[in-house]
Amino acid sequence: MPDDPSPALLYRINQNITALGSAVEEIGIWIDQRGSTETSSRINAHLQVLEGNTDAIAELMADLIARLRPEKEEDPED
């Protein structure tokens, strides 16, 4: 196990959020096909929030992971 499991944990949490968003999207499509367009519209509004945050979450995760990795020590003879 790595010294700091945070990067792996963050990655897994992000995967779960993405999977849940996809599942909700599929349910929204199914609901829309059965005529409940109002409910489908509300689901789509919530999904847009998830989609709108995707890039920021990815950037912030990359930044956190980069901060958690120790910098390479330079060889004093170089």
PDB file of N, CA and C in Angstrom:
ATOM      1  N   MET A   1       0.842  -1.173   0.000  1.00  0.00           N
ATOM      2  CA  MET A   1       0.000   0.000   0.000  1.00  0.00           C
ATOM      3  C   MET A   1       0.889   1.239   0.000  1.00  0.00           C
ATOM      4  N   PRO A   2       0.505   2.251  -0.779  1.00  0.00           N
ATOM      5  CA  PRO A   2       1.338   3.457  -0.826  1.00  0.00           C
ATOM      6  C   PRO A   2       1.359   4.173   0.520  1.00  0.00           C
ATOM      7  N   ASP A   3       2.399   5.019   0.700  1.00  0.00           N
ATOM      8  CA  ASP A   3       2.512   5.786   1.938  1.00  0.00           C
ATOM      9  C   ASP A   3       1.283   6.662   2.168  1.00  0.00           C
ATOM     10  N   ASP A   4       0.814   7.293   1.116  1.00  0.00           N
ATOM     11  CA  ASP A   4      -0.359   8.167   1.227  1.00  0.00           C
ATOM     12  C   ASP A   4      -1.415   7.675   0.242  1.00  0.00           C
ATOM     13  N   PRO A   5      -2.497   7.109   0.751  1.00  0.00           N
ATOM     14  CA  PRO A   5      -3.532   6.576  -0.140  1.00  0.00           C
ATOM     15  C   PRO A   5      -4.458   7.653  -0.707  1.00  0.00           C
ATOM     16  N   SER A   6      -4.215   8.916  -0.392  1.00  0.00           N
ATOM     17  CA  SER A   6      -5.117   9.987  -0.829  1.00  0.00           C
ATOM     18  C   SER A   6      -5.333  10.046  -2.335  1.00  0.00           C
ATOM     19  N   PRO A   7      -4.277   9.976  -3.170  1.00  0.00           N
ATOM     20  CA  PRO A   7      -4.521  10.038  -4.613  1.00  0.00           C
ATOM     21  C   PRO A   7      -5.437   8.910  -5.109  1.00  0.00           C
ATOM     22  N   ALA A   8      -5.203   7.707  -4.631  1.00  0.00           N
ATOM     23  CA  ALA A   8      -6.044   6.582  -5.053  1.00  0.00           C
ATOM     24  C   ALA A   8      -7.475   6.766  -4.564  1.00  0.00           C
ATOM     25  N   LEU A   9      -7.625   7.263  -3.352  1.00  0.00           N
ATOM     26  CA  LEU A   9      -8.955   7.507  -2.804  1.00  0.00           C
ATOM     27  C   LEU A   9      -9.688   8.567  -3.615  1.00  0.00           C
ATOM     28  N   LEU A  10      -9.021   9.668  -3.906  1.00  0.00           N
ATOM     29  CA  LEU A  10      -9.639  10.722  -4.702  1.00  0.00           C
ATOM     30  C   LEU A  10     -10.047  10.209  -6.083  1.00  0.00           C
ATOM     31  N   TYR A  11      -9.191   9.420  -6.681  1.00  0.00           N
ATOM     32  CA  TYR A  11      -9.491   8.860  -7.998  1.00  0.00           C
ATOM     33  C   TYR A  11     -10.734   7.974  -7.935  1.00  0.00           C
ATOM     34  N   ARG A  12     -10.817   7.117  -6.933  1.00  0.00           N
ATOM     35  CA  ARG A  12     -11.971   6.214  -6.793  1.00  0.00           C
ATOM     36  C   ARG A  12     -13.260   6.976  -6.505  1.00  0.00           C
ATOM     37  N   ILE A  13     -13.175   7.997  -5.675  1.00  0.00           N
ATOM     38  CA  ILE A  13     -14.363   8.810  -5.391  1.00  0.00           C
ATOM     39  C   ILE A  13     -14.838   9.490  -6.676  1.00  0.00           C
ATOM     40  N   ASN A  14     -13.911  10.025  -7.444  1.00  0.00           N
ATOM     41  CA  ASN A  14     -14.273  10.663  -8.708  1.00  0.00           C
ATOM     42  C   ASN A  14     -14.896   9.650  -9.674  1.00  0.00           C
ATOM     43  N   GLN A  15     -14.360   8.443  -9.714  1.00  0.00           N
ATOM     44  CA  GLN A  15     -14.942   7.387 -10.557  1.00  0.00           C
ATOM     45  C   GLN A  15     -16.380   7.093 -10.133  1.00  0.00           C
ATOM     46  N   ASN A  16     -16.616   7.012  -8.843  1.00  0.00           N
ATOM     47  CA  ASN A  16     -17.964   6.738  -8.339  1.00  0.00           C
ATOM     48  C   ASN A  16     -18.930   7.855  -8.714  1.00  0.00           C
ATOM     49  N   ILE A  17     -18.503   9.097  -8.584  1.00  0.00           N
ATOM     50  CA  ILE A  17     -19.355  10.228  -8.937  1.00  0.00           C
ATOM     51  C   ILE A  17     -19.702  10.173 -10.426  1.00  0.00           C
ATOM     52  N   THR A  18     -18.721   9.877 -11.252  1.00  0.00           N
ATOM     53  CA  THR A  18     -18.953   9.777 -12.688  1.00  0.00           C
ATOM     54  C   THR A  18     -19.921   8.647 -13.008  1.00  0.00           C
ATOM     55  N   ALA A  19     -19.737   7.509 -12.365  1.00  0.00           N
ATOM     56  CA  ALA A  19     -20.629   6.369 -12.593  1.00  0.00           C
ATOM     57  C   ALA A  19     -22.055   6.676 -12.147  1.00  0.00           C
ATOM     58  N   LEU A  20     -22.193   7.322 -11.000  1.00  0.00           N
ATOM     59  CA  LEU A  20     -23.527   7.704 -10.522  1.00  0.00           C
ATOM     60  C   LEU A  20     -24.193   8.694 -11.483  1.00  0.00           C
ATOM     61  N   GLY A  21     -23.431   9.645 -11.980  1.00  0.00           N
ATOM     62  CA  GLY A  21     -23.973  10.595 -12.949  1.00  0.00           C
ATOM     63  C   GLY A  21     -24.463   9.899 -14.203  1.00  0.00           C
ATOM     64  N   SER A  22     -23.701   8.927 -14.687  1.00  0.00           N
ATOM     65  CA  SER A  22     -24.105   8.172 -15.874  1.00  0.00           C
ATOM     66  C   SER A  22     -25.369   7.361 -15.611  1.00  0.00           C
ATOM     67  N   ALA A  23     -25.451   6.751 -14.439  1.00  0.00           N
ATOM     68  CA  ALA A  23     -26.637   5.965 -14.085  1.00  0.00           C
ATOM     69  C   ALA A  23     -27.872   6.855 -13.998  1.00  0.00           C
ATOM     70  N   VAL A  24     -27.719   8.022 -13.366  1.00  0.00           N
ATOM     71  CA  VAL A  24     -28.849   8.948 -13.248  1.00  0.00           C
ATOM     72  C   VAL A  24     -29.274   9.438 -14.631  1.00  0.00           C
ATOM     73  N   GLU A  25     -28.305   9.663 -15.499  1.00  0.00           N
ATOM     74  CA  GLU A  25     -28.625  10.088 -16.865  1.00  0.00           C
ATOM     75  C   GLU A  25     -29.459   9.025 -17.581  1.00  0.00           C
ATOM     76  N   GLU A  26     -29.073   7.774 -17.440  1.00  0.00           N
ATOM     77  CA  GLU A  26     -29.833   6.675 -18.051  1.00  0.00           C
ATOM     78  C   GLU A  26     -31.260   6.609 -17.488  1.00  0.00           C
ATOM     79  N   ILE A  27     -31.386   6.787 -16.200  1.00  0.00           N
ATOM     80  CA  ILE A  27     -32.719   6.788 -15.573  1.00  0.00           C
ATOM     81  C   ILE A  27     -33.540   7.972 -16.093  1.00  0.00           C
ATOM     82  N   GLY A  28     -32.899   9.121 -16.242  1.00  0.00           N
ATOM     83  CA  GLY A  28     -33.586  10.296 -16.778  1.00  0.00           C
ATOM     84  C   GLY A  28     -34.103  10.065 -18.191  1.00  0.00           C
ATOM     85  N   ILE A  29     -33.313   9.415 -19.011  1.00  0.00           N
ATOM     86  CA  ILE A  29     -33.742   9.084 -20.379  1.00  0.00           C
ATOM     87  C   ILE A  29     -34.945   8.153 -20.328  1.00  0.00           C
ATOM     88  N   TRP A  30     -34.868   7.156 -19.474  1.00  0.00           N
ATOM     89  CA  TRP A  30     -35.958   6.188 -19.330  1.00  0.00           C
ATOM     90  C   TRP A  30     -37.242   6.897 -18.881  1.00  0.00           C
ATOM     91  N   ILE A  31     -37.119   7.811 -17.914  1.00  0.00           N
ATOM     92  CA  ILE A  31     -38.276   8.566 -17.417  1.00  0.00           C
ATOM     93  C   ILE A  31     -38.857   9.439 -18.524  1.00  0.00           C
ATOM     94  N   ASP A  32     -37.984  10.106 -19.279  1.00  0.00           N
ATOM     95  CA  ASP A  32     -38.426  10.975 -20.360  1.00  0.00           C
ATOM     96  C   ASP A  32     -39.194  10.178 -21.423  1.00  0.00           C
ATOM     97  N   GLN A  33     -38.700   8.992 -21.737  1.00  0.00           N
ATOM     98  CA  GLN A  33     -39.359   8.149 -22.737  1.00  0.00           C
ATOM     99  C   GLN A  33     -40.748   7.702 -22.296  1.00  0.00           C
ATOM    100  N   ARG A  34     -41.001   7.735 -21.014  1.00  0.00           N
ATOM    101  CA  ARG A  34     -42.306   7.337 -20.492  1.00  0.00           C
ATOM    102  C   ARG A  34     -43.223   8.534 -20.251  1.00  0.00           C
ATOM    103  N   GLY A  35     -42.797   9.700 -20.693  1.00  0.00           N
ATOM    104  CA  GLY A  35     -43.676  10.857 -20.703  1.00  0.00           C
ATOM    105  C   GLY A  35     -43.553  11.832 -19.557  1.00  0.00           C
ATOM    106  N   SER A  36     -42.675  11.599 -18.617  1.00  0.00           N
ATOM    107  CA  SER A  36     -42.538  12.533 -17.498  1.00  0.00           C
ATOM    108  C   SER A  36     -41.422  13.530 -17.799  1.00  0.00           C
ATOM    109  N   THR A  37     -41.719  14.446 -18.705  1.00  0.00           N
ATOM    110  CA  THR A  37     -40.691  15.384 -19.149  1.00  0.00           C
ATOM    111  C   THR A  37     -40.283  16.372 -18.055  1.00  0.00           C
ATOM    112  N   GLU A  38     -41.194  16.700 -17.151  1.00  0.00           N
ATOM    113  CA  GLU A  38     -40.855  17.626 -16.063  1.00  0.00           C
ATOM    114  C   GLU A  38     -39.781  17.017 -15.151  1.00  0.00           C
ATOM    115  N   THR A  39     -39.985  15.764 -14.786  1.00  0.00           N
ATOM    116  CA  THR A  39     -38.995  15.079 -13.943  1.00  0.00           C
ATOM    117  C   THR A  39     -37.678  14.936 -14.690  1.00  0.00           C
ATOM    118  N   SER A  40     -37.751  14.586 -15.950  1.00  0.00           N
ATOM    119  CA  SER A  40     -36.553  14.446 -16.768  1.00  0.00           C
ATOM    120  C   SER A  40     -35.790  15.764 -16.848  1.00  0.00           C
ATOM    121  N   SER A  41     -36.503  16.860 -16.977  1.00  0.00           N
ATOM    122  CA  SER A  41     -35.855  18.176 -17.037  1.00  0.00           C
ATOM    123  C   SER A  41     -35.129  18.502 -15.733  1.00  0.00           C
ATOM    124  N   ARG A  42     -35.747  18.169 -14.613  1.00  0.00           N
ATOM    125  CA  ARG A  42     -35.096  18.422 -13.322  1.00  0.00           C
ATOM    126  C   ARG A  42     -33.833  17.570 -13.175  1.00  0.00           C
ATOM    127  N   ILE A  43     -33.914  16.316 -13.613  1.00  0.00           N
ATOM    128  CA  ILE A  43     -32.736  15.440 -13.565  1.00  0.00           C
ATOM    129  C   ILE A  43     -31.619  16.037 -14.419  1.00  0.00           C
ATOM    130  N   ASN A  44     -31.979  16.499 -15.618  1.00  0.00           N
ATOM    131  CA  ASN A  44     -30.962  17.073 -16.505  1.00  0.00           C
ATOM    132  C   ASN A  44     -30.330  18.325 -15.909  1.00  0.00           C
ATOM    133  N   ALA A  45     -31.096  19.110 -15.187  1.00  0.00           N
ATOM    134  CA  ALA A  45     -30.536  20.302 -14.538  1.00  0.00           C
ATOM    135  C   ALA A  45     -29.487  19.900 -13.502  1.00  0.00           C
ATOM    136  N   HIS A  46     -29.763  18.868 -12.737  1.00  0.00           N
ATOM    137  CA  HIS A  46     -28.788  18.388 -11.743  1.00  0.00           C
ATOM    138  C   HIS A  46     -27.558  17.792 -12.428  1.00  0.00           C
ATOM    139  N   LEU A  47     -27.767  17.100 -13.516  1.00  0.00           N
ATOM    140  CA  LEU A  47     -26.642  16.525 -14.251  1.00  0.00           C
ATOM    141  C   LEU A  47     -25.740  17.614 -14.832  1.00  0.00           C
ATOM    142  N   GLN A  48     -26.318  18.742 -15.210  1.00  0.00           N
ATOM    143  CA  GLN A  48     -25.518  19.850 -15.727  1.00  0.00           C
ATOM    144  C   GLN A  48     -24.582  20.401 -14.661  1.00  0.00           C
ATOM    145  N   VAL A  49     -25.009  20.370 -13.415  1.00  0.00           N
ATOM    146  CA  VAL A  49     -24.127  20.794 -12.314  1.00  0.00           C
ATOM    147  C   VAL A  49     -22.923  19.859 -12.244  1.00  0.00           C
ATOM    148  N   LEU A  50     -23.191  18.540 -12.294  1.00  0.00           N
ATOM    149  CA  LEU A  50     -22.086  17.581 -12.276  1.00  0.00           C
ATOM    150  C   LEU A  50     -21.143  17.821 -13.442  1.00  0.00           C
ATOM    151  N   GLU A  51     -21.706  17.992 -14.621  1.00  0.00           N
ATOM    152  CA  GLU A  51     -20.890  18.199 -15.817  1.00  0.00           C
ATOM    153  C   GLU A  51     -20.093  19.498 -15.733  1.00  0.00           C
ATOM    154  N   GLY A  52     -20.721  20.538 -15.199  1.00  0.00           N
ATOM    155  CA  GLY A  52     -20.044  21.823 -15.078  1.00  0.00           C
ATOM    156  C   GLY A  52     -18.855  21.793 -14.130  1.00  0.00           C
ATOM    157  N   ASN A  53     -18.875  20.895 -13.175  1.00  0.00           N
ATOM    158  CA  ASN A  53     -17.781  20.794 -12.200  1.00  0.00           C
ATOM    159  C   ASN A  53     -16.692  19.806 -12.602  1.00  0.00           C
ATOM    160  N   THR A  54     -16.902  19.056 -13.656  1.00  0.00           N
ATOM    161  CA  THR A  54     -15.989  17.981 -14.041  1.00  0.00           C
ATOM    162  C   THR A  54     -14.559  18.467 -14.260  1.00  0.00           C
ATOM    163  N   ASP A  55     -14.393  19.505 -15.072  1.00  0.00           N
ATOM    164  CA  ASP A  55     -13.040  19.983 -15.377  1.00  0.00           C
ATOM    165  C   ASP A  55     -12.344  20.536 -14.134  1.00  0.00           C
ATOM    166  N   ALA A  56     -13.075  21.293 -13.328  1.00  0.00           N
ATOM    167  CA  ALA A  56     -12.473  21.853 -12.117  1.00  0.00           C
ATOM    168  C   ALA A  56     -12.041  20.753 -11.158  1.00  0.00           C
ATOM    169  N   ILE A  57     -12.871  19.728 -11.010  1.00  0.00           N
ATOM    170  CA  ILE A  57     -12.525  18.610 -10.129  1.00  0.00           C
ATOM    171  C   ILE A  57     -11.272  17.903 -10.634  1.00  0.00           C
ATOM    172  N   ALA A  58     -11.212  17.655 -11.933  1.00  0.00           N
ATOM    173  CA  ALA A  58     -10.038  16.978 -12.506  1.00  0.00           C
ATOM    174  C   ALA A  58      -8.768  17.801 -12.284  1.00  0.00           C
ATOM    175  N   GLU A  59      -8.858  19.105 -12.494  1.00  0.00           N
ATOM    176  CA  GLU A  59      -7.691  19.976 -12.299  1.00  0.00           C
ATOM    177  C   GLU A  59      -7.256  20.011 -10.838  1.00  0.00           C
ATOM    178  N   LEU A  60      -8.225  20.132  -9.939  1.00  0.00           N
ATOM    179  CA  LEU A  60      -7.902  20.174  -8.520  1.00  0.00           C
ATOM    180  C   LEU A  60      -7.323  18.848  -8.029  1.00  0.00           C
ATOM    181  N   MET A  61      -7.859  17.742  -8.536  1.00  0.00           N
ATOM    182  CA  MET A  61      -7.307  16.433  -8.162  1.00  0.00           C
ATOM    183  C   MET A  61      -5.869  16.303  -8.637  1.00  0.00           C
ATOM    184  N   ALA A  62      -5.598  16.732  -9.865  1.00  0.00           N
ATOM    185  CA  ALA A  62      -4.232  16.668 -10.391  1.00  0.00           C
ATOM    186  C   ALA A  62      -3.298  17.521  -9.543  1.00  0.00           C
ATOM    187  N   ASP A  63      -3.762  18.700  -9.132  1.00  0.00           N
ATOM    188  CA  ASP A  63      -2.954  19.579  -8.295  1.00  0.00           C
ATOM    189  C   ASP A  63      -2.669  18.938  -6.935  1.00  0.00           C
ATOM    190  N   LEU A  64      -3.704  18.364  -6.316  1.00  0.00           N
ATOM    191  CA  LEU A  64      -3.508  17.706  -5.016  1.00  0.00           C
ATOM    192  C   LEU A  64      -2.547  16.526  -5.124  1.00  0.00           C
ATOM    193  N   ILE A  65      -2.703  15.741  -6.151  1.00  0.00           N
ATOM    194  CA  ILE A  65      -1.830  14.579  -6.329  1.00  0.00           C
ATOM    195  C   ILE A  65      -0.391  15.026  -6.550  1.00  0.00           C
ATOM    196  N   ALA A  66      -0.204  16.082  -7.335  1.00  0.00           N
ATOM    197  CA  ALA A  66       1.150  16.602  -7.568  1.00  0.00           C
ATOM    198  C   ALA A  66       1.774  17.092  -6.265  1.00  0.00           C
ATOM    199  N   ARG A  67       0.985  17.687  -5.399  1.00  0.00           N
ATOM    200  CA  ARG A  67       1.502  18.174  -4.110  1.00  0.00           C
ATOM    201  C   ARG A  67       1.843  17.023  -3.165  1.00  0.00           C
ATOM    202  N   LEU A  68       1.152  15.909  -3.312  1.00  0.00           N
ATOM    203  CA  LEU A  68       1.391  14.781  -2.425  1.00  0.00           C
ATOM    204  C   LEU A  68       2.639  13.987  -2.812  1.00  0.00           C
ATOM    205  N   ARG A  69       3.022  14.069  -4.064  1.00  0.00           N
ATOM    206  CA  ARG A  69       4.210  13.342  -4.521  1.00  0.00           C
ATOM    207  C   ARG A  69       5.461  14.122  -4.137  1.00  0.00           C
ATOM    208  N   PRO A  70       6.398  13.457  -3.492  1.00  0.00           N
ATOM    209  CA  PRO A  70       7.624  14.178  -3.108  1.00  0.00           C
ATOM    210  C   PRO A  70       8.438  14.541  -4.346  1.00  0.00           C
ATOM    211  N   GLU A  71       9.044  15.705  -4.279  1.00  0.00           N
ATOM    212  CA  GLU A  71       9.897  16.122  -5.383  1.00  0.00           C
ATOM    213  C   GLU A  71      11.166  15.277  -5.371  1.00  0.00           C
ATOM    214  N   LYS A  72      11.705  15.032  -6.560  1.00  0.00           N
ATOM    215  CA  LYS A  72      12.946  14.264  -6.670  1.00  0.00           C
ATOM    216  C   LYS A  72      14.084  15.077  -6.089  1.00  0.00           C
ATOM    217  N   GLU A  73      14.879  14.415  -5.275  1.00  0.00           N
ATOM    218  CA  GLU A  73      16.046  15.112  -4.737  1.00  0.00           C
ATOM    219  C   GLU A  73      17.127  15.141  -5.792  1.00  0.00           C
ATOM    220  N   GLU A  74      17.782  16.282  -5.896  1.00  0.00           N
ATOM    221  CA  GLU A  74      18.851  16.416  -6.859  1.00  0.00           C
ATOM    222  C   GLU A  74      20.136  15.832  -6.296  1.00  0.00           C
ATOM    223  N   ASP A  75      20.876  15.202  -7.164  1.00  0.00           N
ATOM    224  CA  ASP A  75      22.154  14.640  -6.783  1.00  0.00           C
ATOM    225  C   ASP A  75      23.144  15.792  -6.623  1.00  0.00           C
ATOM    226  N   PRO A  76      23.792  15.901  -5.459  1.00  0.00           N
ATOM    227  CA  PRO A  76      24.719  17.034  -5.233  1.00  0.00           C
ATOM    228  C   PRO A  76      25.878  17.073  -6.224  1.00  0.00           C
ATOM    229  N   GLU A  77      26.185  15.955  -6.884  1.00  0.00           N
ATOM    230  CA  GLU A  77      27.298  15.929  -7.821  1.00  0.00           C
ATOM    231  C   GLU A  77      26.905  16.463  -9.191  1.00  0.00           C
ATOM    232  N   ASP A  78      25.591  16.683  -9.424  1.00  0.00           N
ATOM    233  CA  ASP A  78      25.149  17.188 -10.726  1.00  0.00           C
ATOM    234  C   ASP A  78      25.341  18.662 -10.850  1.00  0.00           C
TER     235      ASP A  78
END
